């Protein structure tokens, strides 16, 4: 259970970096992306607090985040659109798995949400 929650929280913190990139490049849906970014941050923080030792949750530091954003940037609009699409598709998949995991943990006696 604890290992699962650590993985979920770490994954959410990692996706925040990707969502930050989308926020910078996908200006037509700025409000929706901003809402998704902050909701993801809140969920990551909430799940991190449920972990026995929250310090074990891996949170990318600002240097890692900037490095990743720099690698994602492109001069070609088409590549940015494809990158955005892939990030959102992977985020959706991650969240579907997260919901299943949380539902499973909730149905066990040792977990309460």
N, C-alpha and C. Protein backbone atom coordinates (compact mmCIF):
# COMPACT_ATOMS: atom_id res chain seq x y z
N UNK A 1 0.82 -1.19 0.00
CA UNK A 1 0.00 0.00 0.00
C UNK A 1 0.87 1.25 0.00
N UNK A 2 1.84 1.32 0.90
CA UNK A 2 2.68 2.49 1.01
C UNK A 2 3.51 2.68 -0.27
N UNK A 3 4.03 1.57 -0.80
CA UNK A 3 4.83 1.62 -2.02
C UNK A 3 3.98 2.15 -3.18
N UNK A 4 2.76 1.70 -3.25
CA UNK A 4 1.82 2.12 -4.30
C UNK A 4 1.55 3.62 -4.20
N UNK A 5 1.29 4.10 -3.01
CA UNK A 5 1.01 5.52 -2.81
C UNK A 5 2.23 6.38 -3.15
N UNK A 6 3.43 5.90 -2.81
CA UNK A 6 4.65 6.64 -3.16
C UNK A 6 4.79 6.77 -4.67
N UNK A 7 4.53 5.66 -5.37
CA UNK A 7 4.63 5.67 -6.82
C UNK A 7 3.62 6.62 -7.46
N UNK A 8 2.41 6.60 -6.95
CA UNK A 8 1.37 7.49 -7.47
C UNK A 8 1.76 8.95 -7.25
N UNK A 9 2.16 9.28 -6.03
CA UNK A 9 2.52 10.66 -5.71
C UNK A 9 3.72 11.11 -6.55
N UNK A 10 4.75 10.28 -6.65
CA UNK A 10 5.93 10.62 -7.46
C UNK A 10 5.54 10.83 -8.92
N UNK A 11 4.67 9.96 -9.43
CA UNK A 11 4.22 10.09 -10.81
C UNK A 11 3.46 11.38 -11.05
N UNK A 12 2.62 11.75 -10.10
CA UNK A 12 1.87 13.01 -10.22
C UNK A 12 2.80 14.21 -10.21
N UNK A 13 3.81 14.19 -9.35
CA UNK A 13 4.78 15.29 -9.32
C UNK A 13 5.55 15.37 -10.63
N UNK A 14 5.87 14.23 -11.22
CA UNK A 14 6.58 14.21 -12.50
C UNK A 14 5.69 14.76 -13.60
N UNK A 15 4.42 14.37 -13.61
CA UNK A 15 3.51 14.87 -14.63
C UNK A 15 3.29 16.37 -14.50
N UNK A 16 3.49 16.92 -13.33
CA UNK A 16 3.36 18.37 -13.17
C UNK A 16 4.34 19.10 -14.07
N UNK A 17 5.54 18.57 -14.22
CA UNK A 17 6.53 19.18 -15.10
C UNK A 17 6.01 19.19 -16.53
N UNK A 18 5.46 18.06 -16.95
CA UNK A 18 4.91 17.97 -18.30
C UNK A 18 3.71 18.91 -18.48
N UNK A 19 2.86 18.98 -17.47
CA UNK A 19 1.71 19.88 -17.55
C UNK A 19 2.15 21.34 -17.60
N UNK A 20 3.24 21.65 -16.92
CA UNK A 20 3.81 23.01 -16.98
C UNK A 20 4.25 23.34 -18.40
N UNK A 21 4.84 22.37 -19.07
CA UNK A 21 5.23 22.55 -20.47
C UNK A 21 4.00 22.81 -21.34
N UNK A 22 2.95 22.02 -21.14
CA UNK A 22 1.74 22.19 -21.92
C UNK A 22 1.13 23.56 -21.66
N UNK A 23 1.20 23.99 -20.42
CA UNK A 23 0.66 25.31 -20.05
C UNK A 23 1.37 26.41 -20.83
N UNK A 24 2.67 26.26 -21.05
CA UNK A 24 3.45 27.26 -21.78
C UNK A 24 3.17 27.24 -23.28
N UNK A 25 2.90 26.06 -23.82
CA UNK A 25 2.80 25.93 -25.27
C UNK A 25 1.37 25.88 -25.81
N UNK A 26 0.41 25.55 -24.99
CA UNK A 26 -0.96 25.35 -25.45
C UNK A 26 -1.83 26.47 -24.90
N UNK A 27 -1.64 27.65 -25.42
CA UNK A 27 -2.27 28.85 -24.85
C UNK A 27 -3.78 28.93 -25.06
N UNK A 28 -4.33 28.23 -26.06
CA UNK A 28 -5.77 28.33 -26.31
C UNK A 28 -6.62 27.72 -25.19
N UNK A 29 -6.05 26.80 -24.45
CA UNK A 29 -6.77 26.17 -23.33
C UNK A 29 -6.09 26.47 -22.00
N UNK A 30 -5.54 27.65 -21.89
CA UNK A 30 -4.74 28.03 -20.72
C UNK A 30 -5.47 27.79 -19.39
N UNK A 31 -6.72 28.18 -19.30
CA UNK A 31 -7.46 28.05 -18.04
C UNK A 31 -7.66 26.58 -17.66
N UNK A 32 -8.01 25.75 -18.63
CA UNK A 32 -8.20 24.32 -18.35
C UNK A 32 -6.90 23.65 -17.94
N UNK A 33 -5.82 23.97 -18.63
CA UNK A 33 -4.52 23.37 -18.31
C UNK A 33 -4.06 23.84 -16.93
N UNK A 34 -4.29 25.11 -16.62
CA UNK A 34 -3.91 25.64 -15.31
C UNK A 34 -4.69 24.93 -14.19
N UNK A 35 -5.96 24.72 -14.42
CA UNK A 35 -6.79 24.00 -13.45
C UNK A 35 -6.29 22.56 -13.27
N UNK A 36 -5.97 21.91 -14.37
CA UNK A 36 -5.45 20.54 -14.32
C UNK A 36 -4.11 20.50 -13.57
N UNK A 37 -3.26 21.49 -13.82
CA UNK A 37 -1.95 21.57 -13.17
C UNK A 37 -2.11 21.67 -11.64
N UNK A 38 -2.96 22.58 -11.19
CA UNK A 38 -3.13 22.77 -9.75
C UNK A 38 -3.88 21.62 -9.08
N UNK A 39 -4.80 21.03 -9.80
CA UNK A 39 -5.50 19.85 -9.26
C UNK A 39 -4.54 18.68 -9.10
N UNK A 40 -3.65 18.52 -10.07
CA UNK A 40 -2.64 17.46 -9.99
C UNK A 40 -1.70 17.70 -8.82
N UNK A 41 -1.31 18.95 -8.64
CA UNK A 41 -0.44 19.30 -7.51
C UNK A 41 -1.12 18.98 -6.18
N UNK A 42 -2.39 19.34 -6.07
CA UNK A 42 -3.14 19.10 -4.84
C UNK A 42 -3.26 17.59 -4.56
N UNK A 43 -3.57 16.83 -5.60
CA UNK A 43 -3.69 15.38 -5.44
C UNK A 43 -2.36 14.76 -5.05
N UNK A 44 -1.27 15.19 -5.68
CA UNK A 44 0.06 14.68 -5.35
C UNK A 44 0.40 14.96 -3.89
N UNK A 45 0.11 16.18 -3.44
CA UNK A 45 0.38 16.55 -2.04
C UNK A 45 -0.46 15.73 -1.07
N UNK A 46 -1.75 15.54 -1.40
CA UNK A 46 -2.66 14.78 -0.54
C UNK A 46 -2.19 13.34 -0.41
N UNK A 47 -1.86 12.72 -1.53
CA UNK A 47 -1.41 11.32 -1.49
C UNK A 47 -0.07 11.22 -0.79
N UNK A 48 0.81 12.21 -0.98
CA UNK A 48 2.11 12.21 -0.30
C UNK A 48 1.93 12.22 1.23
N UNK A 49 0.92 12.94 1.71
CA UNK A 49 0.67 13.01 3.15
C UNK A 49 0.19 11.67 3.70
N UNK A 50 -0.35 10.81 2.83
CA UNK A 50 -0.84 9.51 3.26
C UNK A 50 0.27 8.47 3.37
N UNK A 51 1.43 8.78 2.79
CA UNK A 51 2.57 7.87 2.82
C UNK A 51 3.18 7.89 4.22
N UNK A 52 3.64 6.71 4.66
CA UNK A 52 4.22 6.61 6.01
C UNK A 52 5.40 7.57 6.17
N UNK A 53 6.31 7.59 5.20
CA UNK A 53 7.45 8.50 5.24
C UNK A 53 7.40 9.39 3.99
N UNK A 54 6.74 10.55 4.07
CA UNK A 54 6.56 11.41 2.89
C UNK A 54 7.86 11.86 2.22
N UNK A 55 8.96 11.88 2.96
CA UNK A 55 10.23 12.30 2.39
C UNK A 55 10.75 11.31 1.34
N UNK A 56 10.21 10.10 1.32
CA UNK A 56 10.65 9.10 0.35
C UNK A 56 9.99 9.30 -1.02
N UNK A 57 8.99 10.16 -1.09
CA UNK A 57 8.35 10.45 -2.38
C UNK A 57 9.31 11.28 -3.22
N UNK A 58 9.55 10.83 -4.45
CA UNK A 58 10.49 11.51 -5.33
C UNK A 58 9.79 12.69 -6.01
N UNK A 59 10.34 13.88 -5.76
CA UNK A 59 9.81 15.11 -6.37
C UNK A 59 10.93 15.71 -7.21
N UNK A 60 10.70 15.88 -8.52
CA UNK A 60 11.76 16.46 -9.36
C UNK A 60 12.12 17.87 -8.90
N UNK A 61 13.43 18.14 -8.78
CA UNK A 61 13.85 19.49 -8.39
C UNK A 61 13.74 20.43 -9.58
N UNK A 62 13.92 21.72 -9.33
CA UNK A 62 13.70 22.72 -10.38
C UNK A 62 14.69 22.56 -11.54
N UNK A 63 15.93 22.14 -11.26
CA UNK A 63 16.91 21.94 -12.33
C UNK A 63 16.47 20.81 -13.26
N UNK A 64 15.96 19.73 -12.68
CA UNK A 64 15.47 18.60 -13.47
C UNK A 64 14.27 19.03 -14.30
N UNK A 65 13.38 19.80 -13.70
CA UNK A 65 12.20 20.27 -14.42
C UNK A 65 12.58 21.16 -15.60
N UNK A 66 13.51 22.07 -15.38
CA UNK A 66 13.94 22.97 -16.46
C UNK A 66 14.64 22.20 -17.57
N UNK A 67 15.44 21.22 -17.20
CA UNK A 67 16.13 20.40 -18.18
C UNK A 67 15.12 19.64 -19.05
N UNK A 68 14.11 19.10 -18.41
CA UNK A 68 13.09 18.35 -19.13
C UNK A 68 12.29 19.27 -20.06
N UNK A 69 11.92 20.44 -19.58
CA UNK A 69 11.18 21.40 -20.40
C UNK A 69 11.99 21.81 -21.63
N UNK A 70 13.30 22.02 -21.42
CA UNK A 70 14.17 22.40 -22.53
C UNK A 70 14.22 21.30 -23.59
N UNK A 71 14.24 20.04 -23.16
CA UNK A 71 14.26 18.92 -24.10
C UNK A 71 12.95 18.81 -24.87
N UNK A 72 11.85 19.21 -24.25
CA UNK A 72 10.54 19.10 -24.89
C UNK A 72 10.30 20.20 -25.92
N UNK A 73 10.93 21.35 -25.74
CA UNK A 73 10.68 22.49 -26.63
C UNK A 73 11.17 22.19 -28.05
N UNK A 74 10.42 22.73 -29.01
CA UNK A 74 10.76 22.55 -30.41
C UNK A 74 10.40 23.80 -31.20
N UNK A 75 11.09 24.00 -32.30
CA UNK A 75 10.79 25.13 -33.17
C UNK A 75 9.59 24.84 -34.07
N UNK A 76 9.25 23.58 -34.19
CA UNK A 76 8.17 23.17 -35.09
C UNK A 76 6.86 23.02 -34.32
N UNK A 77 5.84 23.70 -34.78
CA UNK A 77 4.52 23.66 -34.15
C UNK A 77 3.96 22.25 -34.15
N UNK A 78 4.17 21.53 -35.25
CA UNK A 78 3.64 20.17 -35.37
C UNK A 78 4.21 19.27 -34.26
N UNK A 79 5.49 19.36 -34.02
CA UNK A 79 6.13 18.54 -32.99
C UNK A 79 5.58 18.91 -31.61
N UNK A 80 5.38 20.20 -31.36
CA UNK A 80 4.80 20.63 -30.08
C UNK A 80 3.40 20.06 -29.89
N UNK A 81 2.60 20.04 -30.96
CA UNK A 81 1.25 19.51 -30.87
C UNK A 81 1.27 18.01 -30.60
N UNK A 82 2.14 17.30 -31.26
CA UNK A 82 2.26 15.85 -31.05
C UNK A 82 2.74 15.58 -29.63
N UNK A 83 3.72 16.34 -29.17
CA UNK A 83 4.24 16.18 -27.81
C UNK A 83 3.13 16.42 -26.79
N UNK A 84 2.36 17.47 -26.99
CA UNK A 84 1.23 17.77 -26.10
C UNK A 84 0.24 16.62 -26.09
N UNK A 85 -0.09 16.12 -27.28
CA UNK A 85 -1.03 15.00 -27.38
C UNK A 85 -0.52 13.77 -26.63
N UNK A 86 0.75 13.44 -26.81
CA UNK A 86 1.33 12.26 -26.14
C UNK A 86 1.36 12.43 -24.62
N UNK A 87 1.70 13.62 -24.17
CA UNK A 87 1.72 13.88 -22.72
C UNK A 87 0.33 13.70 -22.13
N UNK A 88 -0.68 14.29 -22.78
CA UNK A 88 -2.04 14.19 -22.26
C UNK A 88 -2.56 12.75 -22.33
N UNK A 89 -2.19 12.01 -23.36
CA UNK A 89 -2.61 10.62 -23.47
C UNK A 89 -1.98 9.78 -22.35
N UNK A 90 -0.67 10.00 -22.10
CA UNK A 90 0.00 9.27 -21.02
C UNK A 90 -0.54 9.67 -19.65
N UNK A 91 -0.86 10.95 -19.49
CA UNK A 91 -1.44 11.41 -18.22
C UNK A 91 -2.79 10.75 -17.98
N UNK A 92 -3.60 10.66 -19.03
CA UNK A 92 -4.91 10.00 -18.91
C UNK A 92 -4.73 8.54 -18.51
N UNK A 93 -3.82 7.86 -19.15
CA UNK A 93 -3.55 6.46 -18.82
C UNK A 93 -3.08 6.31 -17.38
N UNK A 94 -2.17 7.20 -16.96
CA UNK A 94 -1.67 7.17 -15.58
C UNK A 94 -2.80 7.38 -14.58
N UNK A 95 -3.69 8.33 -14.87
CA UNK A 95 -4.80 8.60 -13.97
C UNK A 95 -5.79 7.45 -13.92
N UNK A 96 -6.01 6.77 -15.04
CA UNK A 96 -6.90 5.59 -15.04
C UNK A 96 -6.32 4.51 -14.13
N UNK A 97 -5.02 4.29 -14.22
CA UNK A 97 -4.37 3.29 -13.37
C UNK A 97 -4.40 3.72 -11.91
N UNK A 98 -4.25 5.01 -11.67
CA UNK A 98 -4.29 5.54 -10.32
C UNK A 98 -5.66 5.32 -9.69
N UNK A 99 -6.70 5.59 -10.45
CA UNK A 99 -8.06 5.39 -9.95
C UNK A 99 -8.28 3.93 -9.59
N UNK A 100 -7.82 3.02 -10.46
CA UNK A 100 -7.96 1.59 -10.17
C UNK A 100 -7.21 1.20 -8.90
N UNK A 101 -5.98 1.72 -8.75
CA UNK A 101 -5.18 1.39 -7.58
C UNK A 101 -5.81 1.93 -6.30
N UNK A 102 -6.28 3.16 -6.34
CA UNK A 102 -6.91 3.77 -5.16
C UNK A 102 -8.20 3.03 -4.82
N UNK A 103 -8.97 2.66 -5.83
CA UNK A 103 -10.20 1.91 -5.60
C UNK A 103 -9.88 0.56 -4.94
N UNK A 104 -8.83 -0.09 -5.42
CA UNK A 104 -8.42 -1.37 -4.84
C UNK A 104 -7.98 -1.18 -3.39
N UNK A 105 -7.15 -0.16 -3.15
CA UNK A 105 -6.67 0.10 -1.79
C UNK A 105 -7.83 0.47 -0.87
N UNK A 106 -8.79 1.21 -1.40
CA UNK A 106 -9.95 1.61 -0.59
C UNK A 106 -10.78 0.39 -0.19
N UNK A 107 -10.85 -0.60 -1.06
CA UNK A 107 -11.63 -1.80 -0.77
C UNK A 107 -10.93 -2.77 0.19
N UNK A 108 -9.66 -2.54 0.45
CA UNK A 108 -8.98 -3.34 1.46
C UNK A 108 -9.23 -2.70 2.81
N UNK A 109 -9.17 -3.48 3.83
CA UNK A 109 -9.53 -2.98 5.18
C UNK A 109 -8.55 -1.96 5.73
N UNK A 110 -7.30 -1.96 5.28
CA UNK A 110 -6.28 -1.12 5.91
C UNK A 110 -6.20 0.29 5.32
N UNK A 111 -7.08 0.65 4.40
CA UNK A 111 -6.98 1.93 3.72
C UNK A 111 -8.30 2.68 3.81
N UNK A 112 -8.23 3.94 4.15
CA UNK A 112 -9.44 4.76 4.16
C UNK A 112 -9.16 6.09 3.51
N UNK A 113 -10.08 6.55 2.69
CA UNK A 113 -9.93 7.82 1.99
C UNK A 113 -10.92 8.80 2.56
